[in-house]
Amino acid sequence: MADSGWALNSGYETPEHANDLSHYLLVPLNRMIAMDAALEILHDQPAGTELSRSNSGEPWRWIIDDKIVDEDGKLIVEM
Protein backbone atom coordinates (compact mmCIF):
# COMPACT_ATOMS: atom_id res chain seq x y z
CA MET A 1 0.00 0.00 0.00
CA ALA A 2 1.42 3.38 -0.95
CA ASP A 3 1.93 5.77 1.95
CA SER A 4 -1.11 8.00 2.18
CA GLY A 5 -0.65 9.34 5.69
CA TRP A 6 -1.51 7.80 9.02
CA ALA A 7 -2.51 4.16 9.32
CA LEU A 8 -4.63 3.48 12.39
CA ASN A 9 -5.08 -0.09 13.57
CA SER A 10 -5.62 -2.11 16.72
CA GLY A 11 -2.35 -4.02 16.56
CA TYR A 12 -4.18 -7.33 16.66
CA GLU A 13 -4.68 -7.69 12.91
CA THR A 14 -3.46 -10.90 11.34
CA PRO A 15 -0.90 -10.51 8.54
CA GLU A 16 -3.58 -11.68 6.08
CA HIS A 17 -6.00 -9.01 7.26
CA ALA A 18 -3.34 -6.27 7.28
CA ASN A 19 -2.20 -7.15 3.75
CA ASP A 20 -5.72 -7.00 2.26
CA LEU A 21 -6.15 -3.48 0.85
CA SER A 22 -9.94 -3.84 0.93
CA HIS A 23 -9.70 -3.48 4.72
CA TYR A 24 -8.42 0.09 4.43
CA LEU A 25 -10.32 3.32 3.94
CA LEU A 26 -8.89 6.77 3.28
CA VAL A 27 -10.32 9.24 5.76
CA PRO A 28 -9.12 12.83 6.27
CA LEU A 29 -7.24 13.13 9.56
CA ASN A 30 -9.33 16.16 10.54
CA ARG A 31 -12.47 14.00 10.33
CA MET A 32 -10.86 11.38 12.58
CA ILE A 33 -9.84 14.10 15.06
CA ALA A 34 -13.43 15.41 15.07
CA MET A 35 -14.56 11.92 16.11
CA ASP A 36 -11.74 11.40 18.67
CA ALA A 37 -9.94 14.49 19.97
CA ALA A 38 -7.13 12.28 21.35
CA LEU A 39 -5.94 11.87 17.74
CA GLU A 40 -5.03 15.58 17.62
CA ILE A 41 -1.46 14.62 18.61
CA LEU A 42 -1.03 13.00 15.19
CA HIS A 43 -1.56 16.27 13.33
CA ASP A 44 1.88 17.76 14.02
CA GLN A 45 4.01 14.61 14.12
CA PRO A 46 6.70 14.26 11.44
CA ALA A 47 6.51 11.57 8.74
CA GLY A 48 7.63 8.19 10.02
CA THR A 49 6.42 8.75 13.58
CA GLU A 50 5.02 5.64 15.27
CA LEU A 51 2.71 6.04 18.25
CA SER A 52 1.01 3.48 20.41
CA ARG A 53 -1.41 3.28 23.30
CA SER A 54 -2.97 0.29 25.03
CA ASN A 55 -6.44 1.82 25.18
CA SER A 56 -8.20 5.13 24.63
CA GLY A 57 -7.75 6.14 28.28
CA GLU A 58 -3.96 5.96 28.19
CA PRO A 59 -1.53 8.58 26.87
CA TRP A 60 0.13 8.13 23.50
CA ARG A 61 3.63 6.65 23.59
CA TRP A 62 6.27 6.90 20.87
CA ILE A 63 7.88 3.82 19.30
CA ILE A 64 11.56 4.50 18.65
CA ASP A 65 14.06 1.76 17.75
CA ASP A 66 11.61 -0.95 18.88
CA LYS A 67 11.20 0.71 22.28
CA ILE A 68 8.09 2.42 23.62
CA VAL A 69 9.00 5.74 25.25
CA ASP A 70 7.02 8.61 26.76
CA GLU A 71 7.02 12.15 25.40
CA ASP A 72 10.27 12.86 27.27
CA GLY A 73 12.02 9.81 25.81
CA LYS A 74 11.83 7.78 29.05
CA LEU A 75 11.75 4.04 28.33
CA ILE A 76 8.35 2.46 29.01
CA VAL A 77 8.70 -0.94 27.29
CA GLU A 78 11.28 -2.71 25.13
CA MET A 79 9.56 -4.59 22.33
PDB file of N, CA and C in Angstrom:
ATOM      1  N   MET A   1       0.851  -1.174   0.000  1.00  0.00           N
ATOM      2  CA  MET A   1       0.000   0.000   0.000  1.00  0.00           C
ATOM      3  C   MET A   1       0.894   1.233   0.000  1.00  0.00           C
ATOM      4  N   ALA A   2       0.644   2.145  -0.892  1.00  0.00           N
ATOM      5  CA  ALA A   2       1.423   3.377  -0.950  1.00  0.00           C
ATOM      6  C   ALA A   2       1.122   4.225   0.279  1.00  0.00           C
ATOM      7  N   ASP A   3       2.119   4.943   0.771  1.00  0.00           N
ATOM      8  CA  ASP A   3       1.929   5.770   1.951  1.00  0.00           C
ATOM      9  C   ASP A   3       0.962   6.897   1.628  1.00  0.00           C
ATOM     10  N   SER A   4      -0.103   6.958   2.391  1.00  0.00           N
ATOM     11  CA  SER A   4      -1.109   7.996   2.183  1.00  0.00           C
ATOM     12  C   SER A   4      -1.312   8.834   3.442  1.00  0.00           C
ATOM     13  N   GLY A   5      -0.495   8.623   4.438  1.00  0.00           N
ATOM     14  CA  GLY A   5      -0.653   9.343   5.693  1.00  0.00           C
ATOM     15  C   GLY A   5      -0.633   8.377   6.849  1.00  0.00           C
ATOM     16  N   TRP A   6      -1.450   8.629   7.829  1.00  0.00           N
ATOM     17  CA  TRP A   6      -1.507   7.798   9.017  1.00  0.00           C
ATOM     18  C   TRP A   6      -2.262   6.514   8.751  1.00  0.00           C
ATOM     19  N   ALA A   7      -1.790   5.432   9.340  1.00  0.00           N
ATOM     20  CA  ALA A   7      -2.513   4.159   9.323  1.00  0.00           C
ATOM     21  C   ALA A   7      -2.874   3.860  10.775  1.00  0.00           C
ATOM     22  N   LEU A   8      -4.159   3.761  11.042  1.00  0.00           N
ATOM     23  CA  LEU A   8      -4.628   3.480  12.394  1.00  0.00           C
ATOM     24  C   LEU A   8      -5.117   2.049  12.449  1.00  0.00           C
ATOM     25  N   ASN A   9      -4.629   1.296  13.419  1.00  0.00           N
ATOM     26  CA  ASN A   9      -5.076  -0.085  13.571  1.00  0.00           C
ATOM     27  C   ASN A   9      -5.010  -0.487  15.034  1.00  0.00           C
ATOM     28  N   SER A  10      -5.569  -1.647  15.328  1.00  0.00           N
ATOM     29  CA  SER A  10      -5.620  -2.105  16.716  1.00  0.00           C
ATOM     30  C   SER A  10      -4.327  -2.773  17.152  1.00  0.00           C
ATOM     31  N   GLY A  11      -3.547  -3.272  16.213  1.00  0.00           N
ATOM     32  CA  GLY A  11      -2.347  -4.020  16.555  1.00  0.00           C
ATOM     33  C   GLY A  11      -2.589  -5.510  16.666  1.00  0.00           C
ATOM     34  N   TYR A  12      -3.837  -5.916  16.564  1.00  0.00           N
ATOM     35  CA  TYR A  12      -4.181  -7.331  16.660  1.00  0.00           C
ATOM     36  C   TYR A  12      -4.543  -7.937  15.307  1.00  0.00           C
ATOM     37  N   GLU A  13      -4.351  -7.188  14.236  1.00  0.00           N
ATOM     38  CA  GLU A  13      -4.680  -7.686  12.912  1.00  0.00           C
ATOM     39  C   GLU A  13      -3.746  -8.823  12.518  1.00  0.00           C
ATOM     40  N   THR A  14      -4.302  -9.827  11.869  1.00  0.00           N
ATOM     41  CA  THR A  14      -3.459 -10.899  11.338  1.00  0.00           C
ATOM     42  C   THR A  14      -2.718 -10.358  10.123  1.00  0.00           C
ATOM     43  N   PRO A  15      -1.596 -10.966   9.746  1.00  0.00           N
ATOM     44  CA  PRO A  15      -0.902 -10.514   8.542  1.00  0.00           C
ATOM     45  C   PRO A  15      -1.818 -10.556   7.309  1.00  0.00           C
ATOM     46  N   GLU A  16      -2.672 -11.564   7.229  1.00  0.00           N
ATOM     47  CA  GLU A  16      -3.577 -11.677   6.082  1.00  0.00           C
ATOM     48  C   GLU A  16      -4.545 -10.495   6.047  1.00  0.00           C
ATOM     49  N   HIS A  17      -5.072 -10.147   7.189  1.00  0.00           N
ATOM     50  CA  HIS A  17      -6.001  -9.014   7.265  1.00  0.00           C
ATOM     51  C   HIS A  17      -5.269  -7.713   6.914  1.00  0.00           C
ATOM     52  N   ALA A  18      -4.100  -7.505   7.491  1.00  0.00           N
ATOM     53  CA  ALA A  18      -3.339  -6.274   7.281  1.00  0.00           C
ATOM     54  C   ALA A  18      -2.896  -6.110   5.828  1.00  0.00           C
ATOM     55  N   ASN A  19      -2.669  -7.209   5.136  1.00  0.00           N
ATOM     56  CA  ASN A  19      -2.201  -7.148   3.746  1.00  0.00           C
ATOM     57  C   ASN A  19      -3.323  -7.058   2.728  1.00  0.00           C
ATOM     58  N   ASP A  20      -4.573  -7.084   3.169  1.00  0.00           N
ATOM     59  CA  ASP A  20      -5.722  -7.001   2.259  1.00  0.00           C
ATOM     60  C   ASP A  20      -6.155  -5.538   2.156  1.00  0.00           C
ATOM     61  N   LEU A  21      -5.868  -4.905   1.019  1.00  0.00           N
ATOM     62  CA  LEU A  21      -6.147  -3.485   0.846  1.00  0.00           C
ATOM     63  C   LEU A  21      -7.622  -3.145   0.970  1.00  0.00           C
ATOM     64  N   SER A  22      -8.500  -4.125   0.803  1.00  0.00           N
ATOM     65  CA  SER A  22      -9.937  -3.841   0.935  1.00  0.00           C
ATOM     66  C   SER A  22     -10.320  -3.529   2.383  1.00  0.00           C
ATOM     67  N   HIS A  23      -9.428  -3.774   3.322  1.00  0.00           N
ATOM     68  CA  HIS A  23      -9.699  -3.481   4.720  1.00  0.00           C
ATOM     69  C   HIS A  23      -9.317  -2.054   5.110  1.00  0.00           C
ATOM     70  N   TYR A  24      -8.850  -1.269   4.156  1.00  0.00           N
ATOM     71  CA  TYR A  24      -8.417   0.095   4.435  1.00  0.00           C
ATOM     72  C   TYR A  24      -9.358   1.096   3.784  1.00  0.00           C
ATOM     73  N   LEU A  25      -9.472   2.240   4.421  1.00  0.00           N
ATOM     74  CA  LEU A  25     -10.322   3.317   3.936  1.00  0.00           C
ATOM     75  C   LEU A  25      -9.578   4.624   4.159  1.00  0.00           C
ATOM     76  N   LEU A  26      -9.509   5.456   3.129  1.00  0.00           N
ATOM     77  CA  LEU A  26      -8.887   6.767   3.283  1.00  0.00           C
ATOM     78  C   LEU A  26      -9.891   7.718   3.926  1.00  0.00           C
ATOM     79  N   VAL A  27      -9.472   8.308   5.026  1.00  0.00           N
ATOM     80  CA  VAL A  27     -10.320   9.243   5.760  1.00  0.00           C
ATOM     81  C   VAL A  27      -9.449  10.441   6.125  1.00  0.00           C
ATOM     82  N   PRO A  28      -9.921  11.662   5.877  1.00  0.00           N
ATOM     83  CA  PRO A  28      -9.123  12.826   6.270  1.00  0.00           C
ATOM     84  C   PRO A  28      -8.855  12.824   7.779  1.00  0.00           C
ATOM     85  N   LEU A  29      -7.617  13.132   8.152  1.00  0.00           N
ATOM     86  CA  LEU A  29      -7.242  13.130   9.560  1.00  0.00           C
ATOM     87  C   LEU A  29      -8.135  14.069  10.364  1.00  0.00           C
ATOM     88  N   ASN A  30      -8.481  15.217   9.806  1.00  0.00           N
ATOM     89  CA  ASN A  30      -9.331  16.158  10.542  1.00  0.00           C
ATOM     90  C   ASN A  30     -10.685  15.542  10.881  1.00  0.00           C
ATOM     91  N   ARG A  31     -11.209  14.681  10.039  1.00  0.00           N
ATOM     92  CA  ARG A  31     -12.472  14.000  10.330  1.00  0.00           C
ATOM     93  C   ARG A  31     -12.283  13.016  11.485  1.00  0.00           C
ATOM     94  N   MET A  32     -11.145  12.317  11.491  1.00  0.00           N
ATOM     95  CA  MET A  32     -10.860  11.380  12.582  1.00  0.00           C
ATOM     96  C   MET A  32     -10.701  12.138  13.901  1.00  0.00           C
ATOM     97  N   ILE A  33     -10.025  13.288  13.860  1.00  0.00           N
ATOM     98  CA  ILE A  33      -9.839  14.105  15.064  1.00  0.00           C
ATOM     99  C   ILE A  33     -11.187  14.605  15.575  1.00  0.00           C
ATOM    100  N   ALA A  34     -12.098  14.960  14.659  1.00  0.00           N
ATOM    101  CA  ALA A  34     -13.430  15.405  15.065  1.00  0.00           C
ATOM    102  C   ALA A  34     -14.174  14.300  15.808  1.00  0.00           C
ATOM    103  N   MET A  35     -13.903  13.045  15.457  1.00  0.00           N
ATOM    104  CA  MET A  35     -14.556  11.916  16.112  1.00  0.00           C
ATOM    105  C   MET A  35     -13.849  11.512  17.404  1.00  0.00           C
ATOM    106  N   ASP A  36     -12.527  11.773  17.487  1.00  0.00           N
ATOM    107  CA  ASP A  36     -11.737  11.399  18.665  1.00  0.00           C
ATOM    108  C   ASP A  36     -10.644  12.444  18.850  1.00  0.00           C
ATOM    109  N   ALA A  37     -10.881  13.385  19.748  1.00  0.00           N
ATOM    110  CA  ALA A  37      -9.939  14.491  19.966  1.00  0.00           C
ATOM    111  C   ALA A  37      -8.554  14.020  20.392  1.00  0.00           C
ATOM    112  N   ALA A  38      -8.442  12.803  20.937  1.00  0.00           N
ATOM    113  CA  ALA A  38      -7.132  12.275  21.354  1.00  0.00           C
ATOM    114  C   ALA A  38      -6.203  12.065  20.153  1.00  0.00           C
ATOM    115  N   LEU A  39      -6.760  12.042  18.950  1.00  0.00           N
ATOM    116  CA  LEU A  39      -5.942  11.872  17.739  1.00  0.00           C
ATOM    117  C   LEU A  39      -5.271  13.173  17.309  1.00  0.00           C
ATOM    118  N   GLU A  40      -5.601  14.274  17.954  1.00  0.00           N
ATOM    119  CA  GLU A  40      -5.028  15.580  17.616  1.00  0.00           C
ATOM    120  C   GLU A  40      -3.498  15.540  17.629  1.00  0.00           C
ATOM    121  N   ILE A  41      -2.918  14.735  18.503  1.00  0.00           N
ATOM    122  CA  ILE A  41      -1.457  14.619  18.611  1.00  0.00           C
ATOM    123  C   ILE A  41      -0.823  14.198  17.281  1.00  0.00           C
ATOM    124  N   LEU A  42      -1.566  13.478  16.461  1.00  0.00           N
ATOM    125  CA  LEU A  42      -1.027  13.002  15.194  1.00  0.00           C
ATOM    126  C   LEU A  42      -0.791  14.138  14.209  1.00  0.00           C
ATOM    127  N   HIS A  43      -1.566  15.193  14.329  1.00  0.00           N
ATOM    128  CA  HIS A  43      -1.559  16.268  13.331  1.00  0.00           C
ATOM    129  C   HIS A  43      -0.181  16.872  13.103  1.00  0.00           C
ATOM    130  N   ASP A  44       0.589  17.070  14.151  1.00  0.00           N
ATOM    131  CA  ASP A  44       1.877  17.760  14.016  1.00  0.00           C
ATOM    132  C   ASP A  44       3.094  16.844  14.091  1.00  0.00           C
ATOM    133  N   GLN A  45       2.876  15.549  14.060  1.00  0.00           N
ATOM    134  CA  GLN A  45       4.006  14.613  14.124  1.00  0.00           C
ATOM    135  C   GLN A  45       4.680  14.507  12.752  1.00  0.00           C
ATOM    136  N   PRO A  46       5.998  14.387  12.719  1.00  0.00           N
ATOM    137  CA  PRO A  46       6.696  14.261  11.439  1.00  0.00           C
ATOM    138  C   PRO A  46       6.449  12.893  10.792  1.00  0.00           C
ATOM    139  N   ALA A  47       6.646  12.832   9.478  1.00  0.00           N
ATOM    140  CA  ALA A  47       6.507  11.575   8.735  1.00  0.00           C
ATOM    141  C   ALA A  47       7.399  10.521   9.364  1.00  0.00           C
ATOM    142  N   GLY A  48       6.874   9.307   9.454  1.00  0.00           N
ATOM    143  CA  GLY A  48       7.632   8.191  10.015  1.00  0.00           C
ATOM    144  C   GLY A  48       7.406   7.974  11.498  1.00  0.00           C
ATOM    145  N   THR A  49       6.684   8.885  12.149  1.00  0.00           N
ATOM    146  CA  THR A  49       6.416   8.746  13.579  1.00  0.00           C
ATOM    147  C   THR A  49       5.526   7.538  13.821  1.00  0.00           C
ATOM    148  N   GLU A  50       5.858   6.764  14.841  1.00  0.00           N
ATOM    149  CA  GLU A  50       5.016   5.644  15.270  1.00  0.00           C
ATOM    150  C   GLU A  50       4.586   5.913  16.697  1.00  0.00           C
ATOM    151  N   LEU A  51       3.274   5.839  16.915  1.00  0.00           N
ATOM    152  CA  LEU A  51       2.711   6.042  18.249  1.00  0.00           C
ATOM    153  C   LEU A  51       1.886   4.829  18.627  1.00  0.00           C
ATOM    154  N   SER A  52       1.761   4.623  19.919  1.00  0.00           N
ATOM    155  CA  SER A  52       1.011   3.479  20.413  1.00  0.00           C
ATOM    156  C   SER A  52       0.324   3.860  21.711  1.00  0.00           C
ATOM    157  N   ARG A  53      -0.782   3.193  21.985  1.00  0.00           N
ATOM    158  CA  ARG A  53      -1.412   3.276  23.301  1.00  0.00           C
ATOM    159  C   ARG A  53      -2.208   1.996  23.502  1.00  0.00           C
ATOM    160  N   SER A  54      -2.292   1.550  24.726  1.00  0.00           N
ATOM    161  CA  SER A  54      -2.974   0.293  25.031  1.00  0.00           C
ATOM    162  C   SER A  54      -4.480   0.421  24.926  1.00  0.00           C
ATOM    163  N   ASN A  55      -5.002   1.581  25.300  1.00  0.00           N
ATOM    164  CA  ASN A  55      -6.438   1.823  25.179  1.00  0.00           C
ATOM    165  C   ASN A  55      -6.670   3.325  25.128  1.00  0.00           C
ATOM    166  N   SER A  56      -7.895   3.714  24.843  1.00  0.00           N
ATOM    167  CA  SER A  56      -8.195   5.128  24.631  1.00  0.00           C
ATOM    168  C   SER A  56      -8.017   5.979  25.883  1.00  0.00           C
ATOM    169  N   GLY A  57      -7.936   5.382  27.056  1.00  0.00           N
ATOM    170  CA  GLY A  57      -7.749   6.140  28.280  1.00  0.00           C
ATOM    171  C   GLY A  57      -6.299   6.395  28.641  1.00  0.00           C
ATOM    172  N   GLU A  58      -5.380   5.808  27.895  1.00  0.00           N
ATOM    173  CA  GLU A  58      -3.956   5.962  28.194  1.00  0.00           C
ATOM    174  C   GLU A  58      -3.327   7.007  27.283  1.00  0.00           C
ATOM    175  N   PRO A  59      -2.215   7.600  27.730  1.00  0.00           N
ATOM    176  CA  PRO A  59      -1.529   8.578  26.874  1.00  0.00           C
ATOM    177  C   PRO A  59      -0.836   7.884  25.707  1.00  0.00           C
ATOM    178  N   TRP A  60      -0.623   8.645  24.645  1.00  0.00           N
ATOM    179  CA  TRP A  60       0.131   8.132  23.505  1.00  0.00           C
ATOM    180  C   TRP A  60       1.585   7.944  23.905  1.00  0.00           C
ATOM    181  N   ARG A  61       2.210   6.915  23.383  1.00  0.00           N
ATOM    182  CA  ARG A  61       3.633   6.647  23.586  1.00  0.00           C
ATOM    183  C   ARG A  61       4.281   6.547  22.209  1.00  0.00           C
ATOM    184  N   TRP A  62       5.526   6.952  22.123  1.00  0.00           N
ATOM    185  CA  TRP A  62       6.266   6.897  20.866  1.00  0.00           C
ATOM    186  C   TRP A  62       7.003   5.576  20.768  1.00  0.00           C
ATOM    187  N   ILE A  63       7.089   5.029  19.561  1.00  0.00           N
ATOM    188  CA  ILE A  63       7.879   3.824  19.303  1.00  0.00           C
ATOM    189  C   ILE A  63       9.129   4.284  18.567  1.00  0.00           C
ATOM    190  N   ILE A  64      10.277   4.086  19.211  1.00  0.00           N
ATOM    191  CA  ILE A  64      11.559   4.501  18.646  1.00  0.00           C
ATOM    192  C   ILE A  64      12.539   3.346  18.824  1.00  0.00           C
ATOM    193  N   ASP A  65      13.098   2.875  17.711  1.00  0.00           N
ATOM    194  CA  ASP A  65      14.062   1.765  17.752  1.00  0.00           C
ATOM    195  C   ASP A  65      13.517   0.565  18.529  1.00  0.00           C
ATOM    196  N   ASP A  66      12.272   0.194  18.241  1.00  0.00           N
ATOM    197  CA  ASP A  66      11.609  -0.953  18.880  1.00  0.00           C
ATOM    198  C   ASP A  66      11.488  -0.806  20.391  1.00  0.00           C
ATOM    199  N   LYS A  67      11.428   0.425  20.865  1.00  0.00           N
ATOM    200  CA  LYS A  67      11.203   0.712  22.280  1.00  0.00           C
ATOM    201  C   LYS A  67      10.039   1.680  22.379  1.00  0.00           C
ATOM    202  N   ILE A  68       9.190   1.497  23.377  1.00  0.00           N
ATOM    203  CA  ILE A  68       8.091   2.421  23.623  1.00  0.00           C
ATOM    204  C   ILE A  68       8.562   3.401  24.681  1.00  0.00           C
ATOM    205  N   VAL A  69       8.519   4.688  24.346  1.00  0.00           N
ATOM    206  CA  VAL A  69       8.996   5.736  25.254  1.00  0.00           C
ATOM    207  C   VAL A  69       7.903   6.788  25.438  1.00  0.00           C
ATOM    208  N   ASP A  70       7.985   7.535  26.543  1.00  0.00           N
ATOM    209  CA  ASP A  70       7.019   8.613  26.760  1.00  0.00           C
ATOM    210  C   ASP A  70       7.473   9.850  26.004  1.00  0.00           C
ATOM    211  N   GLU A  71       6.717  10.937  26.155  1.00  0.00           N
ATOM    212  CA  GLU A  71       7.019  12.152  25.397  1.00  0.00           C
ATOM    213  C   GLU A  71       8.381  12.745  25.739  1.00  0.00           C
ATOM    214  N   ASP A  72       8.947  12.381  26.881  1.00  0.00           N
ATOM    215  CA  ASP A  72      10.265  12.858  27.273  1.00  0.00           C
ATOM    216  C   ASP A  72      11.389  11.894  26.883  1.00  0.00           C
ATOM    217  N   GLY A  73      11.019  10.784  26.223  1.00  0.00           N
ATOM    218  CA  GLY A  73      12.025   9.807  25.807  1.00  0.00           C
ATOM    219  C   GLY A  73      12.323   8.751  26.855  1.00  0.00           C
ATOM    220  N   LYS A  74      11.611   8.758  27.986  1.00  0.00           N
ATOM    221  CA  LYS A  74      11.827   7.775  29.047  1.00  0.00           C
ATOM    222  C   LYS A  74      11.298   6.423  28.586  1.00  0.00           C
ATOM    223  N   LEU A  75      12.123   5.388  28.740  1.00  0.00           N
ATOM    224  CA  LEU A  75      11.752   4.036  28.326  1.00  0.00           C
ATOM    225  C   LEU A  75      10.553   3.530  29.113  1.00  0.00           C
ATOM    226  N   ILE A  76       9.529   3.066  28.401  1.00  0.00           N
ATOM    227  CA  ILE A  76       8.354   2.463  29.014  1.00  0.00           C
ATOM    228  C   ILE A  76       8.419   0.952  28.853  1.00  0.00           C
ATOM    229  N   VAL A  77       8.671   0.483  27.599  1.00  0.00           N
ATOM    230  CA  VAL A  77       8.703  -0.944  27.287  1.00  0.00           C
ATOM    231  C   VAL A  77       9.694  -1.181  26.154  1.00  0.00           C
ATOM    232  N   GLU A  78      10.463  -2.249  26.257  1.00  0.00           N
ATOM    233  CA  GLU A  78      11.280  -2.706  25.129  1.00  0.00           C
ATOM    234  C   GLU A  78      10.508  -3.775  24.408  1.00  0.00           C
ATOM    235  N   MET A  79      10.369  -3.633  23.110  1.00  0.00           N
ATOM    236  CA  MET A  79       9.561  -4.588  22.331  1.00  0.00           C
ATOM    237  C   MET A  79      10.387  -5.788  21.938  1.00  0.00           C
TER     238      MET A  79
END
